[in-house]
Amino acid sequence: MFNNISQKYPILGFELQQSYFLRDCLKEEISYVLKGENLIIYKKLDNGISEEITLDKLIFYIHTDVADKIHSATHPHNTDQAKKKFYNLFKNIDTIKKTVENMKIILKYDNCDENDENDENDENDDNESNSLNKNSECDEKNIDHESLAF
């Protein structure tokens, strides 16, 4: 929990960035899947199997278990910026509800997460052509705003 997060999200004023932040902070224990228009939330159990949970159960988990883990973030001398950001963003239940609801947008339109992980591996292998092709494909998807009618 909270691994490699602190410098990754400098601008959390945008609501979708808050959804990415929530997802990435809890990714070791919580995952999200979009089925049609419904968001399904899964929590990894101690045995490694994931079970479907409700939004209310996620909120309870954040405000109990996660809150206990980030308790030290409320102390002024703590230097863990990710935990401080998480505490400040998600201490309000309505914010969690809105952030999870916005997760649908990420899951619907951002198909580049899997490719981003592959891009990092490709860079390590000095395989620039594959990395460039994947980035171009993701960039093209993110630029095509005409299909996003509001």
N, C-alpha and C. Protein backbone atom coordinates (compact mmCIF):
# COMPACT_ATOMS: atom_id res chain seq x y z
N MET A 1 0.85 -1.17 0.00
CA MET A 1 0.00 0.00 0.00
C MET A 1 0.89 1.24 0.00
N PHE A 2 0.57 2.22 -0.82
CA PHE A 2 1.28 3.49 -0.94
C PHE A 2 2.69 3.34 -1.51
N ASN A 3 2.95 2.28 -2.25
CA ASN A 3 4.29 2.08 -2.83
C ASN A 3 4.47 2.91 -4.09
N ASN A 4 5.60 3.62 -4.17
CA ASN A 4 5.98 4.43 -5.34
C ASN A 4 4.92 5.44 -5.74
N ILE A 5 4.32 6.12 -4.79
CA ILE A 5 3.23 7.03 -5.06
C ILE A 5 3.61 8.49 -4.87
N SER A 6 4.47 8.81 -3.95
CA SER A 6 4.64 10.18 -3.46
C SER A 6 4.89 11.22 -4.55
N GLN A 7 5.73 10.97 -5.52
CA GLN A 7 6.05 11.97 -6.54
C GLN A 7 5.23 11.80 -7.82
N LYS A 8 4.42 10.77 -7.88
CA LYS A 8 3.70 10.44 -9.11
C LYS A 8 2.50 11.34 -9.37
N TYR A 9 1.94 11.96 -8.33
CA TYR A 9 0.72 12.74 -8.47
C TYR A 9 0.88 14.14 -7.88
N PRO A 10 1.54 15.04 -8.61
CA PRO A 10 1.74 16.39 -8.09
C PRO A 10 0.49 17.26 -8.16
N ILE A 11 -0.45 16.96 -9.06
CA ILE A 11 -1.64 17.80 -9.24
C ILE A 11 -2.88 16.96 -8.96
N LEU A 12 -3.36 17.01 -7.72
CA LEU A 12 -4.54 16.23 -7.36
C LEU A 12 -5.81 17.07 -7.33
N GLY A 13 -5.76 18.26 -7.88
CA GLY A 13 -6.94 19.10 -7.96
C GLY A 13 -7.93 18.61 -9.01
N PHE A 14 -7.46 17.83 -9.97
CA PHE A 14 -8.32 17.25 -10.99
C PHE A 14 -8.93 15.96 -10.45
N GLU A 15 -10.23 15.82 -10.61
CA GLU A 15 -10.92 14.69 -10.01
C GLU A 15 -10.48 13.34 -10.58
N LEU A 16 -10.17 13.27 -11.87
CA LEU A 16 -9.69 11.99 -12.41
C LEU A 16 -8.32 11.63 -11.84
N GLN A 17 -7.49 12.62 -11.58
CA GLN A 17 -6.20 12.35 -10.95
C GLN A 17 -6.39 11.78 -9.55
N GLN A 18 -7.43 12.23 -8.87
CA GLN A 18 -7.75 11.68 -7.54
C GLN A 18 -8.15 10.21 -7.67
N SER A 19 -8.88 9.87 -8.73
CA SER A 19 -9.27 8.48 -8.95
C SER A 19 -8.05 7.61 -9.24
N TYR A 20 -7.14 8.10 -10.08
CA TYR A 20 -5.89 7.37 -10.33
C TYR A 20 -5.11 7.19 -9.01
N PHE A 21 -5.06 8.25 -8.22
CA PHE A 21 -4.33 8.22 -6.94
C PHE A 21 -4.93 7.17 -6.01
N LEU A 22 -6.25 7.16 -5.86
CA LEU A 22 -6.91 6.17 -5.01
C LEU A 22 -6.60 4.76 -5.51
N ARG A 23 -6.76 4.57 -6.81
CA ARG A 23 -6.50 3.25 -7.40
C ARG A 23 -5.07 2.79 -7.13
N ASP A 24 -4.11 3.67 -7.37
CA ASP A 24 -2.71 3.29 -7.23
C ASP A 24 -2.28 3.10 -5.78
N CYS A 25 -2.82 3.90 -4.88
CA CYS A 25 -2.48 3.75 -3.46
C CYS A 25 -2.94 2.40 -2.91
N LEU A 26 -4.09 1.94 -3.33
CA LEU A 26 -4.67 0.73 -2.77
C LEU A 26 -4.58 -0.48 -3.71
N LYS A 27 -3.80 -0.36 -4.80
CA LYS A 27 -3.82 -1.39 -5.84
C LYS A 27 -3.41 -2.77 -5.37
N GLU A 28 -2.67 -2.86 -4.27
CA GLU A 28 -2.27 -4.17 -3.77
C GLU A 28 -3.43 -4.91 -3.12
N GLU A 29 -4.48 -4.17 -2.72
CA GLU A 29 -5.59 -4.80 -2.02
C GLU A 29 -6.95 -4.59 -2.68
N ILE A 30 -7.09 -3.52 -3.46
CA ILE A 30 -8.38 -3.19 -4.07
C ILE A 30 -8.21 -3.09 -5.58
N SER A 31 -9.17 -3.65 -6.32
CA SER A 31 -9.16 -3.51 -7.78
C SER A 31 -10.57 -3.20 -8.25
N TYR A 32 -10.65 -2.68 -9.47
CA TYR A 32 -11.93 -2.23 -10.04
C TYR A 32 -12.07 -2.81 -11.43
N VAL A 33 -13.30 -3.20 -11.77
CA VAL A 33 -13.60 -3.73 -13.09
C VAL A 33 -14.91 -3.08 -13.55
N LEU A 34 -14.94 -2.67 -14.81
CA LEU A 34 -16.14 -2.09 -15.39
C LEU A 34 -16.87 -3.17 -16.19
N LYS A 35 -18.10 -3.47 -15.79
CA LYS A 35 -18.94 -4.44 -16.51
C LYS A 35 -20.16 -3.68 -16.99
N GLY A 36 -20.19 -3.40 -18.29
CA GLY A 36 -21.25 -2.54 -18.83
C GLY A 36 -21.08 -1.15 -18.26
N GLU A 37 -22.09 -0.67 -17.58
CA GLU A 37 -22.02 0.64 -16.93
C GLU A 37 -21.80 0.51 -15.42
N ASN A 38 -21.63 -0.73 -14.95
CA ASN A 38 -21.48 -0.98 -13.51
C ASN A 38 -20.03 -1.15 -13.13
N LEU A 39 -19.64 -0.50 -12.05
CA LEU A 39 -18.30 -0.64 -11.50
C LEU A 39 -18.32 -1.72 -10.43
N ILE A 40 -17.47 -2.70 -10.58
CA ILE A 40 -17.35 -3.79 -9.61
C ILE A 40 -16.05 -3.56 -8.85
N ILE A 41 -16.13 -3.62 -7.52
CA ILE A 41 -14.97 -3.40 -6.65
C ILE A 41 -14.60 -4.75 -6.04
N TYR A 42 -13.30 -5.07 -6.07
CA TYR A 42 -12.80 -6.31 -5.48
C TYR A 42 -11.77 -6.00 -4.41
N LYS A 43 -11.82 -6.76 -3.32
CA LYS A 43 -10.84 -6.64 -2.25
C LYS A 43 -10.11 -7.97 -2.14
N LYS A 44 -8.78 -7.89 -2.13
CA LYS A 44 -7.98 -9.10 -2.01
C LYS A 44 -8.00 -9.57 -0.56
N LEU A 45 -8.32 -10.82 -0.36
CA LEU A 45 -8.36 -11.42 0.97
C LEU A 45 -6.97 -11.90 1.37
N ASP A 46 -6.81 -12.29 2.61
CA ASP A 46 -5.51 -12.76 3.10
C ASP A 46 -4.99 -13.97 2.34
N ASN A 47 -5.90 -14.79 1.82
CA ASN A 47 -5.48 -15.98 1.08
C ASN A 47 -5.17 -15.69 -0.39
N GLY A 48 -5.23 -14.41 -0.80
CA GLY A 48 -4.89 -14.01 -2.16
C GLY A 48 -6.06 -14.01 -3.13
N ILE A 49 -7.20 -14.51 -2.70
CA ILE A 49 -8.39 -14.53 -3.54
C ILE A 49 -9.13 -13.21 -3.36
N SER A 50 -9.66 -12.68 -4.45
CA SER A 50 -10.40 -11.42 -4.39
C SER A 50 -11.89 -11.69 -4.27
N GLU A 51 -12.56 -10.88 -3.45
CA GLU A 51 -14.01 -10.97 -3.33
C GLU A 51 -14.62 -9.64 -3.71
N GLU A 52 -15.79 -9.70 -4.29
CA GLU A 52 -16.52 -8.49 -4.65
C GLU A 52 -17.02 -7.81 -3.38
N ILE A 53 -16.85 -6.48 -3.31
CA ILE A 53 -17.34 -5.73 -2.15
C ILE A 53 -18.19 -4.55 -2.64
N THR A 54 -18.96 -4.01 -1.75
CA THR A 54 -19.80 -2.85 -2.07
C THR A 54 -19.00 -1.57 -1.85
N LEU A 55 -19.53 -0.47 -2.36
CA LEU A 55 -18.92 0.84 -2.13
C LEU A 55 -18.90 1.15 -0.65
N ASP A 56 -19.98 0.83 0.06
CA ASP A 56 -20.02 1.07 1.50
C ASP A 56 -18.91 0.31 2.23
N LYS A 57 -18.66 -0.93 1.82
CA LYS A 57 -17.61 -1.72 2.45
C LYS A 57 -16.23 -1.12 2.14
N LEU A 58 -16.05 -0.61 0.92
CA LEU A 58 -14.79 0.06 0.58
C LEU A 58 -14.60 1.30 1.45
N ILE A 59 -15.65 2.09 1.61
CA ILE A 59 -15.57 3.28 2.46
C ILE A 59 -15.21 2.89 3.89
N PHE A 60 -15.88 1.86 4.39
CA PHE A 60 -15.59 1.38 5.74
C PHE A 60 -14.12 0.94 5.85
N TYR A 61 -13.63 0.23 4.86
CA TYR A 61 -12.23 -0.23 4.83
C TYR A 61 -11.27 0.97 4.85
N ILE A 62 -11.55 1.98 4.04
CA ILE A 62 -10.69 3.16 3.98
C ILE A 62 -10.71 3.90 5.31
N HIS A 63 -11.89 4.03 5.90
CA HIS A 63 -12.01 4.83 7.13
C HIS A 63 -11.67 4.05 8.40
N THR A 64 -11.37 2.76 8.28
CA THR A 64 -10.94 1.99 9.45
C THR A 64 -9.53 1.46 9.22
N ASP A 65 -9.38 0.44 8.38
CA ASP A 65 -8.08 -0.21 8.18
C ASP A 65 -7.03 0.73 7.59
N VAL A 66 -7.39 1.41 6.51
CA VAL A 66 -6.43 2.31 5.87
C VAL A 66 -6.13 3.49 6.80
N ALA A 67 -7.16 4.00 7.46
CA ALA A 67 -6.96 5.12 8.39
C ALA A 67 -5.98 4.75 9.50
N ASP A 68 -6.07 3.51 10.00
CA ASP A 68 -5.12 3.06 11.02
C ASP A 68 -3.70 3.03 10.48
N LYS A 69 -3.55 2.63 9.21
CA LYS A 69 -2.22 2.55 8.61
C LYS A 69 -1.61 3.92 8.33
N ILE A 70 -2.45 4.93 8.13
CA ILE A 70 -1.92 6.26 7.83
C ILE A 70 -2.07 7.22 9.01
N HIS A 71 -2.37 6.68 10.17
CA HIS A 71 -2.54 7.52 11.36
C HIS A 71 -1.35 8.47 11.56
N SER A 72 -0.16 7.98 11.30
CA SER A 72 1.04 8.81 11.50
C SER A 72 1.10 9.98 10.52
N ALA A 73 0.31 9.94 9.45
CA ALA A 73 0.31 11.03 8.47
C ALA A 73 -0.25 12.31 9.05
N THR A 74 -0.99 12.20 10.13
CA THR A 74 -1.55 13.40 10.75
C THR A 74 -0.54 14.12 11.63
N HIS A 75 0.59 13.49 11.90
CA HIS A 75 1.62 14.12 12.72
C HIS A 75 2.46 15.07 11.86
N PRO A 76 2.77 16.26 12.36
CA PRO A 76 3.46 17.27 11.55
C PRO A 76 4.86 16.87 11.09
N HIS A 77 5.53 15.97 11.78
CA HIS A 77 6.91 15.62 11.41
C HIS A 77 7.00 14.43 10.46
N ASN A 78 5.88 13.90 10.06
CA ASN A 78 5.87 12.77 9.13
C ASN A 78 6.23 13.28 7.73
N THR A 79 7.08 12.53 7.03
CA THR A 79 7.52 12.95 5.70
C THR A 79 6.87 12.14 4.57
N ASP A 80 5.99 11.21 4.88
CA ASP A 80 5.35 10.40 3.84
C ASP A 80 4.24 11.20 3.17
N GLN A 81 4.59 11.82 2.05
CA GLN A 81 3.65 12.72 1.36
C GLN A 81 2.43 11.98 0.80
N ALA A 82 2.61 10.74 0.33
CA ALA A 82 1.48 9.99 -0.23
C ALA A 82 0.42 9.76 0.84
N LYS A 83 0.84 9.40 2.03
CA LYS A 83 -0.12 9.16 3.11
C LYS A 83 -0.80 10.46 3.52
N LYS A 84 -0.06 11.55 3.55
CA LYS A 84 -0.67 12.84 3.88
C LYS A 84 -1.71 13.24 2.83
N LYS A 85 -1.35 13.06 1.55
CA LYS A 85 -2.29 13.39 0.48
C LYS A 85 -3.54 12.52 0.57
N PHE A 86 -3.35 11.23 0.82
CA PHE A 86 -4.47 10.31 0.93
C PHE A 86 -5.38 10.73 2.07
N TYR A 87 -4.80 11.01 3.23
CA TYR A 87 -5.57 11.45 4.39
C TYR A 87 -6.38 12.71 4.07
N ASN A 88 -5.73 13.69 3.47
CA ASN A 88 -6.41 14.95 3.17
C ASN A 88 -7.51 14.80 2.12
N LEU A 89 -7.30 13.91 1.15
CA LEU A 89 -8.30 13.72 0.09
C LEU A 89 -9.49 12.88 0.51
N PHE A 90 -9.26 11.81 1.25
CA PHE A 90 -10.29 10.80 1.44
C PHE A 90 -10.83 10.70 2.87
N LYS A 91 -10.69 11.76 3.63
CA LYS A 91 -11.29 11.76 4.96
C LYS A 91 -12.78 12.05 4.89
N ASN A 92 -13.26 12.45 3.72
CA ASN A 92 -14.67 12.77 3.51
C ASN A 92 -15.32 11.66 2.68
N ILE A 93 -16.41 11.09 3.17
CA ILE A 93 -17.08 9.98 2.49
C ILE A 93 -17.60 10.37 1.11
N ASP A 94 -18.14 11.58 0.99
CA ASP A 94 -18.64 12.01 -0.32
C ASP A 94 -17.53 12.09 -1.36
N THR A 95 -16.34 12.46 -0.94
CA THR A 95 -15.19 12.49 -1.85
C THR A 95 -14.85 11.09 -2.33
N ILE A 96 -14.89 10.13 -1.44
CA ILE A 96 -14.61 8.74 -1.83
C ILE A 96 -15.66 8.27 -2.83
N LYS A 97 -16.92 8.55 -2.56
CA LYS A 97 -17.99 8.13 -3.48
C LYS A 97 -17.79 8.73 -4.87
N LYS A 98 -17.50 10.01 -4.92
CA LYS A 98 -17.29 10.69 -6.21
C LYS A 98 -16.05 10.14 -6.92
N THR A 99 -14.99 9.91 -6.16
CA THR A 99 -13.74 9.40 -6.73
C THR A 99 -13.93 8.00 -7.31
N VAL A 100 -14.64 7.15 -6.60
CA VAL A 100 -14.89 5.79 -7.10
C VAL A 100 -15.82 5.84 -8.31
N GLU A 101 -16.82 6.70 -8.28
CA GLU A 101 -17.71 6.86 -9.43
C GLU A 101 -16.92 7.29 -10.67
N ASN A 102 -15.96 8.17 -10.49
CA ASN A 102 -15.13 8.63 -11.60
C ASN A 102 -14.18 7.55 -12.12
N MET A 103 -13.99 6.49 -11.34
CA MET A 103 -13.16 5.37 -11.77
C MET A 103 -13.73 4.76 -13.05
N LYS A 104 -15.04 4.88 -13.24
CA LYS A 104 -15.67 4.36 -14.47
C LYS A 104 -15.07 5.03 -15.70
N ILE A 105 -14.81 6.31 -15.62
CA ILE A 105 -14.24 7.04 -16.76
C ILE A 105 -12.85 6.51 -17.08
N ILE A 106 -12.06 6.31 -16.06
CA ILE A 106 -10.71 5.78 -16.26
C ILE A 106 -10.77 4.40 -16.90
N LEU A 107 -11.61 3.54 -16.36
CA LEU A 107 -11.70 2.18 -16.88
C LEU A 107 -12.28 2.14 -18.30
N LYS A 108 -13.14 3.08 -18.61
CA LYS A 108 -13.76 3.11 -19.92
C LYS A 108 -12.82 3.65 -21.00
N TYR A 109 -12.06 4.68 -20.68
CA TYR A 109 -11.29 5.38 -21.72
C TYR A 109 -9.78 5.22 -21.64
N ASP A 110 -9.24 4.85 -20.50
CA ASP A 110 -7.79 4.73 -20.39
C ASP A 110 -7.39 3.27 -20.48
N ASN A 111 -7.13 2.84 -21.69
CA ASN A 111 -6.72 1.46 -21.94
C ASN A 111 -5.21 1.32 -21.97
N CYS A 112 -4.51 2.34 -21.52
CA CYS A 112 -3.06 2.36 -21.68
C CYS A 112 -2.31 1.85 -20.46
N ASP A 113 -2.97 1.53 -19.37
CA ASP A 113 -2.28 1.10 -18.17
C ASP A 113 -1.43 -0.14 -18.42
N GLU A 114 -1.98 -1.14 -19.11
CA GLU A 114 -1.23 -2.34 -19.39
C GLU A 114 -0.06 -2.03 -20.31
N ASN A 115 -0.28 -1.18 -21.30
CA ASN A 115 0.78 -0.82 -22.22
C ASN A 115 1.87 -0.01 -21.53
N ASP A 116 1.49 0.84 -20.56
CA ASP A 116 2.49 1.62 -19.84
C ASP A 116 3.46 0.72 -19.10
N GLU A 117 2.95 -0.36 -18.49
CA GLU A 117 3.82 -1.29 -17.80
C GLU A 117 4.75 -1.96 -18.81
N ASN A 118 4.22 -2.33 -19.97
CA ASN A 118 5.04 -2.95 -21.01
C ASN A 118 6.06 -1.96 -21.54
N ASP A 119 5.70 -0.69 -21.64
CA ASP A 119 6.63 0.32 -22.12
C ASP A 119 7.84 0.42 -21.22
N GLU A 120 7.64 0.34 -19.91
CA GLU A 120 8.76 0.41 -18.98
C GLU A 120 9.69 -0.77 -19.20
N ASN A 121 9.12 -1.96 -19.43
CA ASN A 121 9.94 -3.13 -19.69
C ASN A 121 10.67 -2.97 -21.02
N ASP A 122 10.00 -2.43 -22.03
CA ASP A 122 10.62 -2.24 -23.33
C ASP A 122 11.78 -1.27 -23.25
N GLU A 123 11.64 -0.21 -22.46
CA GLU A 123 12.73 0.76 -22.31
C GLU A 123 13.94 0.10 -21.69
N ASN A 124 13.70 -0.80 -20.74
CA ASN A 124 14.81 -1.51 -20.12
C ASN A 124 15.51 -2.42 -21.11
N ASP A 125 14.77 -2.90 -22.09
CA ASP A 125 15.34 -3.79 -23.11
C ASP A 125 15.88 -3.01 -24.31
N ASP A 126 15.86 -1.67 -24.24
CA ASP A 126 16.29 -0.80 -25.34
C ASP A 126 15.55 -1.11 -26.63
N ASN A 127 14.29 -1.40 -26.53
CA ASN A 127 13.47 -1.69 -27.70
C ASN A 127 12.60 -0.48 -27.96
N GLU A 128 13.19 0.56 -28.54
CA GLU A 128 12.51 1.83 -28.70
C GLU A 128 11.36 1.77 -29.70
N SER A 129 11.48 0.98 -30.74
CA SER A 129 10.43 0.99 -31.76
C SER A 129 9.10 0.49 -31.21
N ASN A 130 9.11 -0.60 -30.41
CA ASN A 130 7.87 -1.09 -29.82
C ASN A 130 7.31 -0.07 -28.84
N SER A 131 8.17 0.53 -28.06
CA SER A 131 7.73 1.51 -27.08
C SER A 131 7.09 2.70 -27.76
N LEU A 132 7.69 3.16 -28.84
CA LEU A 132 7.13 4.31 -29.56
C LEU A 132 5.78 3.97 -30.17
N ASN A 133 5.66 2.76 -30.72
CA ASN A 133 4.39 2.36 -31.31
C ASN A 133 3.28 2.31 -30.26
N LYS A 134 3.58 1.76 -29.10
CA LYS A 134 2.57 1.67 -28.05
C LYS A 134 2.21 3.04 -27.54
N ASN A 135 3.21 3.91 -27.34
CA ASN A 135 2.91 5.26 -26.87
C ASN A 135 2.06 6.01 -27.89
N SER A 136 2.37 5.84 -29.17
CA SER A 136 1.59 6.53 -30.19
C SER A 136 0.14 6.08 -30.15
N GLU A 137 -0.07 4.79 -29.98
CA GLU A 137 -1.42 4.26 -29.91
C GLU A 137 -2.17 4.85 -28.71
N CYS A 138 -1.52 4.90 -27.55
CA CYS A 138 -2.15 5.46 -26.36
C CYS A 138 -2.39 6.94 -26.51
N ASP A 139 -1.41 7.65 -27.05
CA ASP A 139 -1.56 9.08 -27.24
C ASP A 139 -2.72 9.37 -28.17
N GLU A 140 -2.84 8.55 -29.22
CA GLU A 140 -3.92 8.75 -30.18
C GLU A 140 -5.28 8.54 -29.52
N LYS A 141 -5.40 7.53 -28.66
CA LYS A 141 -6.66 7.29 -27.96
C LYS A 141 -7.00 8.45 -27.04
N ASN A 142 -6.00 8.99 -26.38
CA ASN A 142 -6.24 10.06 -25.43
C ASN A 142 -6.52 11.39 -26.11
N ILE A 143 -6.07 11.55 -27.35
CA ILE A 143 -6.28 12.80 -28.08
C ILE A 143 -7.64 12.82 -28.77
N ASP A 144 -8.18 11.65 -29.10
CA ASP A 144 -9.43 11.57 -29.83
C ASP A 144 -10.61 11.94 -28.93
N HIS A 145 -10.83 13.24 -28.77
CA HIS A 145 -11.89 13.72 -27.89
C HIS A 145 -13.22 13.86 -28.62
N GLU A 146 -13.23 13.75 -29.95
CA GLU A 146 -14.47 13.90 -30.69
C GLU A 146 -15.45 12.80 -30.34
N SER A 147 -14.95 11.62 -30.00
CA SER A 147 -15.84 10.51 -29.66
C SER A 147 -16.42 10.65 -28.25
N LEU A 148 -15.93 11.61 -27.48
CA LEU A 148 -16.41 11.82 -26.12
C LEU A 148 -17.44 12.93 -26.10
N ALA A 149 -18.62 12.66 -26.60
CA ALA A 149 -19.68 13.68 -26.65
C ALA A 149 -20.25 13.89 -25.27
N PHE A 150 -20.43 15.14 -24.91
CA PHE A 150 -20.97 15.45 -23.58
C PHE A 150 -22.38 15.98 -23.72
